[in-house]
Protein backbone atom coordinates (compact mmCIF):
# COMPACT_ATOMS: atom_id res chain seq x y z
CA UNK A 1 13.41 17.62 6.56
CA UNK A 2 15.17 14.38 7.58
CA UNK A 3 15.99 11.04 6.00
CA UNK A 4 14.55 7.65 6.84
CA UNK A 5 17.03 4.94 5.82
CA UNK A 6 16.61 1.20 5.31
CA UNK A 7 19.90 -0.71 4.99
CA UNK A 8 20.22 -4.33 3.81
CA UNK A 9 16.91 -5.10 5.49
CA UNK A 10 15.44 -8.60 5.26
CA UNK A 11 12.38 -10.04 6.93
CA UNK A 12 10.73 -13.44 7.06
CA UNK A 13 8.25 -15.06 9.41
CA UNK A 14 10.01 -17.20 12.01
CA UNK A 15 7.20 -19.72 12.64
CA UNK A 16 7.60 -20.94 9.06
CA UNK A 17 9.97 -19.72 6.39
CA UNK A 18 8.18 -17.20 4.22
CA UNK A 19 10.53 -14.47 2.92
CA UNK A 20 8.84 -11.08 2.54
CA UNK A 21 11.82 -8.73 2.03
CA UNK A 22 15.42 -9.49 1.10
CA UNK A 23 18.31 -6.98 1.23
CA UNK A 24 16.17 -3.85 0.86
CA UNK A 25 17.98 -0.50 0.66
CA UNK A 26 15.99 2.73 0.62
CA UNK A 27 16.31 6.38 1.58
CA UNK A 28 13.02 8.24 2.12
CA UNK A 29 12.37 11.88 2.95
CA UNK A 30 10.11 12.40 5.96
CA UNK A 31 8.49 15.42 4.26
CA UNK A 32 7.18 13.33 1.37
CA UNK A 33 3.55 12.43 0.73
CA UNK A 34 4.43 8.85 -0.09
CA UNK A 35 2.07 6.31 -1.64
CA UNK A 36 2.88 2.63 -0.95
CA UNK A 37 1.46 0.26 -3.58
CA UNK A 38 1.73 -3.43 -4.43
CA UNK A 39 -0.42 -6.46 -4.91
CA UNK A 40 -2.07 -8.23 -1.98
CA UNK A 41 0.43 -10.25 0.04
CA UNK A 42 3.52 -8.37 -1.15
CA UNK A 43 4.22 -6.96 2.33
CA UNK A 44 2.78 -3.43 2.43
CA UNK A 45 1.38 -3.76 5.95
CA UNK A 46 4.48 -5.70 7.01
CA UNK A 47 6.67 -2.80 5.87
CA UNK A 48 4.55 -0.36 7.90
CA UNK A 49 4.88 -2.65 10.93
CA UNK A 50 8.65 -2.75 10.46
CA UNK A 51 8.83 1.05 10.27
CA UNK A 52 6.66 1.45 13.36
CA UNK A 53 8.71 -1.23 15.19
CA UNK A 54 5.73 -3.52 15.69
CA UNK A 55 8.02 -6.20 14.28
CA UNK A 56 11.80 -6.28 13.92
CA UNK A 57 13.84 -7.02 10.76
CA UNK A 58 15.36 -10.49 10.48
CA UNK A 59 18.55 -8.83 9.19
CA UNK A 60 19.75 -5.31 8.43
CA UNK A 61 18.44 -2.15 10.01
CA UNK A 62 15.97 0.74 9.80
CA UNK A 63 16.90 4.23 11.00
CA UNK A 64 13.93 6.48 11.74
CA UNK A 65 14.90 10.04 12.79
CA UNK A 66 11.33 10.87 13.83
CA UNK A 67 8.61 8.93 15.60
CA UNK A 68 6.50 6.57 13.50
CA UNK A 69 2.78 6.18 14.17
CA UNK A 70 0.61 3.50 12.56
CA UNK A 71 -3.04 3.79 11.53
CA UNK A 72 -5.46 2.16 12.24
CA UNK A 73 -4.81 2.02 15.97
CA UNK A 74 -6.73 1.19 19.12
CA UNK A 75 -6.32 3.94 21.71
CA UNK A 76 -6.47 2.97 25.40
CA UNK A 77 -8.62 5.95 26.14
CA UNK A 78 -11.50 6.01 28.60
CA UNK A 79 -12.63 9.59 28.00
CA UNK A 80 -16.22 9.95 26.83
CA UNK A 81 -16.35 13.44 25.37
CA UNK A 82 -14.92 13.47 21.84
CA UNK A 83 -12.77 16.58 22.49
CA UNK A 84 -11.23 14.96 25.58
CA UNK A 85 -10.68 11.69 23.69
CA UNK A 86 -8.74 13.47 20.94
CA UNK A 87 -6.65 15.52 23.41
CA UNK A 88 -5.64 12.33 25.17
CA UNK A 89 -4.82 10.63 21.84
CA UNK A 90 -2.53 13.50 20.80
CA UNK A 91 -0.15 12.81 23.67
CA UNK A 92 -1.93 12.18 26.94
CA UNK A 93 -2.91 15.86 27.29
CA UNK A 94 -6.20 15.25 29.10
CA UNK A 95 -4.45 13.06 31.69
CA UNK A 96 -1.87 15.82 32.23
CA UNK A 97 -4.62 18.37 32.78
CA UNK A 98 -6.27 16.17 35.42
CA UNK A 99 -2.94 15.55 37.17
CA UNK A 100 -2.14 19.27 37.32
CA UNK A 101 -5.66 20.09 38.56
CA UNK A 102 -5.36 17.48 41.32
CA UNK A 103 -2.00 18.94 42.44
CA UNK A 104 -3.43 22.47 42.56
CA UNK A 105 -6.31 21.27 44.74
CA UNK A 106 -3.90 19.56 47.17
CA UNK A 107 -1.77 22.75 47.45
CA UNK A 108 1.23 20.62 48.44
CA UNK A 109 4.53 22.46 47.93
CA UNK A 110 6.34 19.12 47.71
CA UNK A 111 4.57 18.49 44.40
CA UNK A 112 5.75 21.71 42.77
CA UNK A 113 8.65 20.09 40.91
CA UNK A 114 6.40 17.36 39.59
CA UNK A 115 3.82 19.96 38.56
CA UNK A 116 6.45 22.00 36.70
CA UNK A 117 7.72 18.95 34.86
CA UNK A 118 4.22 17.99 33.71
CA UNK A 119 3.44 21.59 32.76
CA UNK A 120 6.63 21.85 30.69
CA UNK A 121 5.76 18.69 28.79
CA UNK A 122 2.19 19.98 28.33
CA UNK A 123 3.52 23.22 26.86
CA UNK A 124 5.91 21.36 24.54
CA UNK A 125 2.91 19.53 23.10
CA UNK A 126 1.01 22.84 22.63
CA UNK A 127 -1.50 21.78 25.29
CA UNK A 128 -2.77 25.31 25.96
CA UNK A 129 -3.55 25.82 22.26
CA UNK A 130 -4.70 22.27 21.56
CA UNK A 131 -8.46 22.71 21.74
CA UNK A 132 -8.32 25.40 19.07
CA UNK A 133 -6.06 23.22 16.92
CA UNK A 134 -8.40 20.25 17.27
CA UNK A 135 -11.35 22.40 16.20
CA UNK A 136 -9.46 23.60 13.10
CA UNK A 137 -8.35 20.07 12.18
CA UNK A 138 -11.87 18.69 12.62
CA UNK A 139 -13.29 21.44 10.41
CA UNK A 140 -10.63 20.72 7.77
CA UNK A 141 -11.74 17.08 7.89
CA UNK A 142 -15.33 18.09 7.15
CA UNK A 143 -16.72 17.57 10.67
CA UNK A 144 -19.26 19.83 12.33
CA UNK A 145 -18.14 21.57 15.60
CA UNK A 146 -20.89 19.77 17.53
CA UNK A 147 -19.19 16.42 16.89
CA UNK A 148 -16.43 17.32 19.37
CA UNK A 149 -18.99 17.80 22.14
CA UNK A 150 -20.64 14.41 21.66
CA UNK A 151 -19.96 11.13 23.45
CA UNK A 152 -17.17 9.27 21.62
CA UNK A 153 -19.17 6.02 21.54
CA UNK A 154 -22.10 7.68 19.75
CA UNK A 155 -19.92 8.75 16.80
CA UNK A 156 -20.12 6.82 13.56
CA UNK A 157 -17.16 4.75 12.41
CA UNK A 158 -16.38 7.40 9.80
CA UNK A 159 -16.43 10.21 12.37
CA UNK A 160 -14.15 8.26 14.71
CA UNK A 161 -11.75 7.51 11.84
CA UNK A 162 -11.53 11.19 10.96
CA UNK A 163 -10.84 12.29 14.54
CA UNK A 164 -8.23 9.56 15.02
CA UNK A 165 -6.41 10.87 11.95
CA UNK A 166 -6.67 14.45 13.23
CA UNK A 167 -5.08 13.35 16.52
CA UNK A 168 -2.21 11.70 14.64
CA UNK A 169 -1.45 14.79 12.57
CA UNK A 170 -1.40 16.93 15.71
CA UNK A 171 1.48 14.88 17.14
CA UNK A 172 4.86 16.60 16.85
CA UNK A 173 7.92 15.23 15.05
CA UNK A 174 5.98 12.35 13.57
CA UNK A 175 5.89 10.44 10.30
CA UNK A 176 2.52 8.78 9.87
CA UNK A 177 1.92 5.33 8.40
CA UNK A 178 -1.64 5.17 7.07
CA UNK A 179 -2.82 1.67 6.19
CA UNK A 180 -5.95 1.81 4.00
CA UNK A 181 -7.43 4.89 5.74
CA UNK A 182 -10.36 5.08 3.28
CA UNK A 183 -11.72 1.63 4.13
CA UNK A 184 -15.31 1.87 5.39
CA UNK A 185 -15.50 5.59 4.56
CA UNK A 186 -18.39 6.61 2.34
CA UNK A 187 -17.83 8.71 -0.80
CA UNK A 188 -18.15 11.99 1.14
CA UNK A 189 -15.75 10.71 3.82
CA UNK A 190 -13.14 9.77 1.22
CA UNK A 191 -13.45 13.19 -0.41
CA UNK A 192 -13.06 14.92 2.98
CA UNK A 193 -9.98 12.83 3.80
CA UNK A 194 -8.39 13.51 0.41
CA UNK A 195 -8.91 17.26 0.81
CA UNK A 196 -7.46 17.07 4.33
CA UNK A 197 -4.33 15.19 3.26
CA UNK A 198 -3.68 17.63 0.42
CA UNK A 199 -2.67 20.16 3.08
CA UNK A 200 -0.42 17.74 4.97
CA UNK A 201 2.99 16.16 4.47
CA UNK A 202 5.17 13.60 6.20
CA UNK A 203 3.23 10.38 5.72
CA UNK A 204 3.16 7.05 3.90
CA UNK A 205 -0.27 5.89 2.76
CA UNK A 206 -1.35 2.45 1.57
CA UNK A 207 -4.37 2.55 -0.70
CA UNK A 208 -5.78 0.66 -3.66
CA UNK A 209 -7.90 3.65 -4.72
CA UNK A 210 -6.22 5.14 -7.79
CA UNK A 211 -8.11 8.44 -7.69
CA UNK A 212 -7.37 8.90 -3.98
CA UNK A 213 -3.65 8.19 -4.48
CA UNK A 214 -3.45 10.74 -7.28
CA UNK A 215 -4.86 13.39 -4.95
CA UNK A 216 -2.67 12.79 -1.89
CA UNK A 217 0.79 11.64 -3.05
CA UNK A 218 3.92 13.17 -4.55
CA UNK A 219 6.06 9.97 -4.52
CA UNK A 220 5.23 6.31 -5.14
CA UNK A 221 6.99 3.35 -3.52
CA UNK A 222 6.05 0.14 -5.32
CA UNK A 223 6.60 -3.38 -3.96
CA UNK A 224 7.12 -5.38 -7.14
CA UNK A 225 7.58 -9.09 -7.82
CA UNK A 226 11.38 -8.95 -7.48
CA UNK A 227 12.25 -5.57 -5.93
CA UNK A 228 11.05 -2.24 -4.54
CA UNK A 229 11.05 0.84 -6.77
CA UNK A 230 10.73 4.50 -5.81
CA UNK A 231 9.51 7.21 -8.17
CA UNK A 232 8.53 10.86 -7.91
CA UNK A 233 4.96 11.62 -8.94
CA UNK A 234 1.43 10.26 -8.48
CA UNK A 235 0.02 6.82 -9.09
CA UNK A 236 -1.10 7.77 -12.62
CA UNK A 237 2.38 8.99 -13.60
CA UNK A 238 3.92 5.84 -12.06
CA UNK A 239 1.44 3.64 -13.95
CA UNK A 240 2.14 5.43 -17.27
CA UNK A 241 5.90 5.00 -16.78
CA UNK A 242 5.41 1.35 -15.89
CA UNK A 243 3.39 0.73 -19.05
CA UNK A 244 6.01 2.46 -21.20
CA UNK A 245 8.74 0.35 -19.62
CA UNK A 246 6.78 -2.85 -20.22
CA UNK A 247 6.12 -1.89 -23.87
CA UNK A 248 9.83 -1.22 -24.38
CA UNK A 249 10.82 -4.49 -22.72
CA UNK A 250 8.26 -6.40 -24.81
CA UNK A 251 9.80 -4.95 -27.97
CA UNK A 252 13.34 -5.82 -26.79
CA UNK A 253 12.19 -9.34 -25.83
CA UNK A 254 10.69 -9.88 -29.31
CA UNK A 255 13.90 -8.65 -30.96
CA UNK A 256 16.05 -10.94 -28.80
CA UNK A 257 13.83 -13.91 -29.58
CA UNK A 258 14.20 -13.24 -33.32
CA UNK A 259 17.98 -12.98 -32.94
CA UNK A 260 18.11 -16.20 -30.91
CA UNK A 261 16.14 -18.07 -33.60
CA UNK A 262 18.48 -16.68 -36.30
CA UNK A 263 21.61 -17.70 -34.37
CA UNK A 264 20.20 -21.18 -33.75
CA UNK A 265 19.53 -21.64 -37.49
CA UNK A 266 23.03 -20.41 -38.37
CA UNK A 267 24.53 -22.75 -35.78
CA UNK A 268 22.65 -25.70 -37.25
CA UNK A 269 23.84 -24.80 -40.81
CA UNK A 270 27.47 -24.54 -39.72
CA UNK A 271 27.23 -27.92 -38.01
CA UNK A 272 25.90 -29.44 -41.27
CA UNK A 273 28.75 -27.81 -43.29
CA UNK A 274 31.34 -29.15 -40.85
CA UNK A 275 30.02 -32.69 -41.23
CA UNK A 276 29.85 -32.45 -45.05
CA UNK A 277 33.37 -30.96 -45.25
CA UNK A 278 34.82 -33.70 -43.11
CA UNK A 279 33.24 -36.46 -45.21
CA UNK A 280 34.39 -34.90 -48.51
CA UNK A 281 38.05 -34.46 -47.50
CA UNK A 282 38.42 -37.44 -45.20
CA UNK A 283 35.84 -40.08 -46.13
CA UNK A 284 37.59 -42.67 -43.92
CA UNK A 285 38.34 -40.37 -40.98
CA UNK A 286 35.16 -38.39 -40.42
CA UNK A 287 36.36 -37.22 -36.99
CA UNK A 288 39.47 -35.50 -38.41
CA UNK A 289 39.35 -31.69 -38.06
CA UNK A 290 40.81 -29.37 -40.71
CA UNK A 291 41.59 -25.68 -40.20
CA UNK A 292 38.33 -24.80 -42.01
CA UNK A 293 36.29 -26.98 -39.74
CA UNK A 294 38.03 -25.46 -36.73
CA UNK A 295 36.89 -22.06 -37.94
CA UNK A 296 33.31 -23.33 -38.28
CA UNK A 297 33.51 -24.85 -34.79
CA UNK A 298 34.75 -21.54 -33.38
CA UNK A 299 31.90 -19.70 -35.05
CA UNK A 300 29.45 -22.20 -33.61
CA UNK A 301 30.81 -21.73 -30.09
CA UNK A 302 30.64 -17.95 -30.44
CA UNK A 303 27.07 -18.25 -31.69
CA UNK A 304 26.15 -20.41 -28.71
CA UNK A 305 27.70 -17.87 -26.36
CA UNK A 306 25.65 -15.09 -28.01
CA UNK A 307 22.52 -17.21 -27.71
CA UNK A 308 23.17 -17.77 -24.00
CA UNK A 309 23.90 -14.06 -23.47
CA UNK A 310 20.64 -13.12 -25.18
CA UNK A 311 18.71 -15.68 -23.14
CA UNK A 312 20.08 -14.22 -19.91
CA UNK A 313 19.20 -10.71 -21.09
CA UNK A 314 15.68 -11.84 -21.98
CA UNK A 315 15.23 -13.39 -18.53
CA UNK A 316 15.87 -9.98 -16.98
CA UNK A 317 13.06 -8.39 -18.97
CA UNK A 318 9.45 -8.12 -17.78
CA UNK A 319 10.37 -9.65 -14.42
CA UNK A 320 8.01 -7.22 -12.66
CA UNK A 321 5.19 -7.33 -15.21
CA UNK A 322 1.89 -7.94 -13.41
CA UNK A 323 -0.72 -10.35 -14.78
CA UNK A 324 -4.11 -11.66 -13.70
CA UNK A 325 -5.63 -15.11 -14.22
CA UNK A 326 -8.93 -15.78 -15.93
CA UNK A 327 -11.85 -16.80 -13.71
CA UNK A 328 -15.63 -16.60 -13.71
CA UNK A 329 -18.63 -16.30 -11.42
CA UNK A 330 -20.53 -19.56 -11.75
CA UNK A 331 -24.12 -18.75 -10.95
CA UNK A 332 -26.62 -21.58 -10.50
CA UNK A 333 -29.63 -21.27 -12.80
CA UNK A 334 -32.85 -20.43 -11.03
CA UNK A 335 -35.86 -22.24 -12.44
CA UNK A 336 -38.56 -19.98 -10.96
CA UNK A 337 -39.82 -16.95 -12.85
CA UNK A 338 -40.51 -13.53 -11.34
CA UNK A 339 -38.89 -11.97 -8.31
CA UNK A 340 -36.22 -13.71 -6.22
CA UNK A 341 -36.25 -11.54 -3.07
CA UNK A 342 -39.01 -9.17 -2.04
CA UNK A 343 -39.13 -6.55 0.72
CA UNK A 344 -42.70 -5.33 1.16
CA UNK A 345 -42.96 -2.17 3.29
CA UNK A 346 -39.97 -3.07 5.48
CA UNK A 347 -39.70 -1.32 8.88
CA UNK A 348 -36.75 -1.72 11.21
CA UNK A 349 -35.21 0.07 14.20
CA UNK A 350 -32.74 -0.92 16.89
CA UNK A 351 -33.97 -1.48 20.41
CA UNK A 352 -31.89 1.37 21.89
CA UNK A 353 -33.34 4.05 19.59
CA UNK A 354 -36.79 5.21 18.53
CA UNK A 355 -35.53 6.31 15.11
CA UNK A 356 -36.49 3.93 12.30
CA UNK A 357 -33.63 2.82 10.09
CA UNK A 358 -36.06 1.63 7.39
CA UNK A 359 -39.46 3.26 7.20
CA UNK A 360 -41.54 1.26 4.74
CA UNK A 361 -38.75 0.18 2.36
CA UNK A 362 -40.06 -1.71 -0.69
CA UNK A 363 -38.18 -3.38 -3.54
CA UNK A 364 -37.93 -6.61 -5.53
CA UNK A 365 -34.87 -8.36 -6.95
CA UNK A 366 -35.25 -10.05 -10.35
CA UNK A 367 -32.83 -12.49 -12.08
CA UNK A 368 -29.92 -10.74 -13.77
CA UNK A 369 -30.24 -7.53 -11.75
CA UNK A 370 -27.29 -5.94 -9.95
CA UNK A 371 -28.69 -3.64 -7.27
CA UNK A 372 -26.42 -1.05 -5.68
CA UNK A 373 -27.48 -0.25 -2.10
CA UNK A 374 -26.24 3.33 -1.96
CA UNK A 375 -25.96 5.36 1.22
CA UNK A 376 -23.58 7.05 3.62
CA UNK A 377 -22.01 5.38 6.65
CA UNK A 378 -24.70 4.44 9.15
CA UNK A 379 -27.51 4.30 6.58
CA UNK A 380 -28.13 0.61 7.34
CA UNK A 381 -26.63 -1.16 4.32
CA UNK A 382 -25.12 -4.09 6.25
CA UNK A 383 -28.24 -4.28 8.42
CA UNK A 384 -30.32 -4.66 5.25
CA UNK A 385 -28.07 -7.53 4.14
CA UNK A 386 -28.76 -9.26 7.45
CA UNK A 387 -32.49 -8.89 6.89
CA UNK A 388 -32.45 -9.90 3.22
CA UNK A 389 -30.28 -12.96 3.94
CA UNK A 390 -32.57 -14.14 6.73
CA UNK A 391 -29.86 -13.80 9.38
CA UNK A 392 -32.25 -11.42 11.15
CA UNK A 393 -35.91 -12.29 10.90
CA UNK A 394 -38.48 -9.84 9.56
CA UNK A 395 -41.94 -10.68 8.27
CA UNK A 396 -41.69 -8.09 5.48
CA UNK A 397 -38.94 -10.05 3.66
CA UNK A 398 -39.76 -13.01 1.38
CA UNK A 399 -37.67 -15.32 -0.80
CA UNK A 400 -38.55 -17.42 -3.83
CA UNK A 401 -38.68 -21.10 -2.95
CA UNK A 402 -35.31 -22.83 -2.99
CA UNK A 403 -33.31 -19.60 -3.33
CA UNK A 404 -29.62 -19.91 -2.40
CA UNK A 405 -27.75 -16.77 -1.30
CA UNK A 406 -23.99 -16.27 -0.96
CA UNK A 407 -22.77 -13.34 1.14
CA UNK A 408 -19.26 -11.84 0.83
CA UNK A 409 -18.95 -9.88 4.06
CA UNK A 410 -16.92 -6.72 4.74
CA UNK A 411 -14.54 -8.58 7.03
CA UNK A 412 -13.30 -12.09 6.28
CA UNK A 413 -14.94 -14.88 8.27
CA UNK A 414 -11.63 -16.75 8.71
CA UNK A 415 -8.71 -14.87 10.27
CA UNK A 416 -6.86 -17.54 12.24
CA UNK A 417 -5.76 -21.13 11.88
CA UNK A 418 -5.14 -22.92 8.57
CA UNK A 419 -7.42 -23.14 5.56
CA UNK A 420 -7.29 -26.95 5.63
CA UNK A 421 -8.88 -26.90 9.09
CA UNK A 422 -11.73 -24.63 7.96
CA UNK A 423 -12.40 -26.90 4.96
CA UNK A 424 -12.65 -30.01 7.13
CA UNK A 425 -16.46 -29.89 7.09
CA UNK A 426 -19.06 -31.45 4.76
CA UNK A 427 -19.54 -28.09 3.02
CA UNK A 428 -15.79 -27.49 2.86
CA UNK A 429 -15.12 -30.89 1.31
CA UNK A 430 -17.87 -30.27 -1.27
CA UNK A 431 -16.52 -26.85 -2.26
CA UNK A 432 -12.79 -27.58 -1.83
CA UNK A 433 -11.79 -28.12 -5.48
CA UNK A 434 -13.52 -24.99 -6.80
CA UNK A 435 -12.39 -22.98 -3.76
CA UNK A 436 -8.70 -23.79 -4.23
CA UNK A 437 -8.98 -23.15 -7.96
CA UNK A 438 -10.36 -19.66 -7.27
CA UNK A 439 -7.69 -18.95 -4.65
CA UNK A 440 -5.01 -19.63 -7.26
CA UNK A 441 -6.87 -17.55 -9.86
CA UNK A 442 -6.98 -14.71 -7.32
CA UNK A 443 -3.16 -14.79 -7.26
CA UNK A 444 -2.72 -15.93 -3.68
CA UNK A 445 1.04 -16.57 -3.42
CA UNK A 446 2.64 -19.97 -3.64
CA UNK A 447 2.51 -21.77 -0.31
CA UNK A 448 -0.65 -20.00 0.92
CA UNK A 449 -2.13 -23.38 1.89
CA UNK A 450 0.62 -23.97 4.45
CA UNK A 451 0.57 -20.50 6.01
CA UNK A 452 -1.56 -19.60 9.07
CA UNK A 453 -4.28 -17.08 8.26
CA UNK A 454 -2.83 -14.68 10.83
CA UNK A 455 0.03 -14.06 8.39
CA UNK A 456 -2.30 -13.25 5.47
CA UNK A 457 -2.71 -9.63 4.52
CA UNK A 458 -6.20 -8.11 4.80
CA UNK A 459 -6.48 -8.31 1.02
CA UNK A 460 -5.51 -12.00 0.99
CA UNK A 461 -8.09 -12.73 3.69
CA UNK A 462 -10.74 -10.88 1.66
CA UNK A 463 -9.83 -12.93 -1.43
CA UNK A 464 -10.28 -16.13 0.60
CA UNK A 465 -13.70 -14.84 1.68
CA UNK A 466 -14.68 -14.13 -1.92
CA UNK A 467 -13.38 -17.52 -3.13
CA UNK A 468 -15.34 -19.35 -0.42
CA UNK A 469 -18.63 -17.71 -1.38
CA UNK A 470 -18.14 -17.99 -5.16
CA UNK A 471 -17.22 -21.68 -4.81
CA UNK A 472 -20.78 -22.37 -3.66
CA UNK A 473 -23.95 -22.92 -5.69
CA UNK A 474 -25.56 -19.48 -5.45
CA UNK A 475 -28.55 -17.96 -7.19
CA UNK A 476 -27.82 -14.52 -5.69
CA UNK A 477 -24.58 -13.06 -4.30
CA UNK A 478 -24.39 -10.24 -1.73
CA UNK A 479 -21.18 -8.16 -1.94
CA UNK A 480 -20.68 -5.94 1.12
CA UNK A 481 -17.95 -3.45 0.13
CA UNK A 482 -16.08 -5.99 -2.04
CA UNK A 483 -13.22 -3.62 -2.92
CA UNK A 484 -11.99 -3.09 0.65
CA UNK A 485 -8.28 -4.07 0.81
CA UNK A 486 -8.26 -5.21 -2.84
CA UNK A 487 -5.40 -4.19 -5.15
CA UNK A 488 -6.15 -2.16 -8.28
CA UNK A 489 -5.54 -5.02 -10.74
CA UNK A 490 -8.00 -7.24 -8.88
CA UNK A 491 -10.60 -4.45 -8.74
CA UNK A 492 -10.39 -4.09 -12.50
CA UNK A 493 -10.63 -7.87 -12.98
CA UNK A 494 -13.66 -8.16 -10.68
CA UNK A 495 -15.46 -5.46 -12.66
CA UNK A 496 -14.58 -7.22 -15.93
CA UNK A 497 -15.88 -10.58 -14.68
CA UNK A 498 -19.15 -9.12 -13.35
CA UNK A 499 -19.88 -7.33 -16.64
CA UNK A 500 -19.01 -10.49 -18.59
CA UNK A 501 -20.88 -13.10 -16.51
CA UNK A 502 -23.76 -10.81 -15.41
CA UNK A 503 -24.58 -12.56 -12.11
CA UNK A 504 -27.50 -11.52 -9.94
CA UNK A 505 -26.07 -9.26 -7.23
CA UNK A 506 -26.97 -6.95 -4.39
CA UNK A 507 -23.92 -4.93 -3.40
CA UNK A 508 -22.65 -1.97 -1.42
CA UNK A 509 -19.57 -0.03 -2.46
CA UNK A 510 -18.18 3.46 -1.83
CA UNK A 511 -16.14 3.40 -5.05
CA UNK A 512 -18.71 5.21 -7.18
CA UNK A 513 -16.91 4.62 -10.49
CA UNK A 514 -16.95 0.85 -9.96
CA UNK A 515 -20.53 0.86 -8.68
CA UNK A 516 -21.87 2.99 -11.53
CA UNK A 517 -20.29 0.70 -14.11
CA UNK A 518 -21.67 -2.60 -12.78
CA UNK A 519 -25.08 -1.57 -11.33
CA UNK A 520 -28.30 -2.08 -13.27
CA UNK A 521 -30.36 -0.35 -10.57
CA UNK A 522 -29.77 1.81 -7.48
CA UNK A 523 -31.64 1.69 -4.16
CA UNK A 524 -30.87 4.77 -2.05
CA UNK A 525 -30.91 4.34 1.73
């Protein structure tokens, strides 16, 4: 057990002034299972980058007694076999093995000291026991033993994610920083990861999945509007405490407002009495002040001081209360009757494989339907979107005449430059007003228009993607994993809007609770 300390830490972007953290002080235990929460753009990923030293604080300091490793990461690793790839990712173990083997073959006594040094480091990292440890970790993550014998490049994204996490947890003296590790994992993958993390400690995890956070955390660090708060417990216990605090502060605020109104009325009465008293006693010298009027004036001043004190106290209340703005999905009416999109005995396979991804798939989309394309990673959900949108041609797919489709993709289309540059097109100029309105309704922070997209969080980029599509005139909207990177409040609002406006949708989503609530029909892939 050791302590991670943050002292008077501030951070802002140097290219343009955008303060993210100011005078933060925290002490965290490196044995905690810590959940990091906060709305999009509050600085969750920035905090992880500060802890992992990807960026440096503008002021103050961070003391980390153990090594910090950030996920997701790109490993410079050329090994093909999955077992070798993981061994190398743990700490360069596969490279050490090859170096020691090469020295043994040379039989050069001059290399003995170098060999001993490498062997000592290899032993310190448990190199001789590592294959067994990797097998146990992979099994705990829900992977079959055969996965470790396969070529790394043939593994699915979910399988690679799981093995990357296994490699991180096999590193010694480490505190892991997990940034949205459930993104792109199917329901089974999220369940496997949650079960795996239950047996671990010493990590900070960013997630907007309430159920997942409840399973894998014992402390919650929240980035609020005006401060950071730390609390023992799960997300649900933190949320319940937050709601109780807000209810209490609402009651106090109402009481203070009543008291302020009462004091203001009393102050007005006393002012009237002072003026009447002056005129009665001194009709020709209305500005003369008697002892009685002095007393009234003193009472008035004291009342004004109490009013000001109450106003200041009221300002301190509900400063971290989160709200969402009202918005809607404006769907263009479709004049035609009957189906809108039809797939009639759809077949598809990639050129490099003989296995068919779709073997005679048939379905029709009708106005008002919300079809959930359900399937595990690799089932072909995004591929089907490409076919149904016309991005990839296939004779089995047909569209009603004049049909307009909007597609919210998994990853945002704009990740660099400024929004004003991307809107400098005929389509951008046509959609600009509605687009900016939606961006503000999605709670993008003040000044987002003047910030480069590289400084946006993944959630902010995804909101821009959603706003761009919804600003168009669509008859049908495709949502490809719309909840990736999205904060919990926005997830709840999106569900509310869909159920209220009832647009025509085809969507994929691994959050089964959300999908079950909004879907009118399921197509299993």
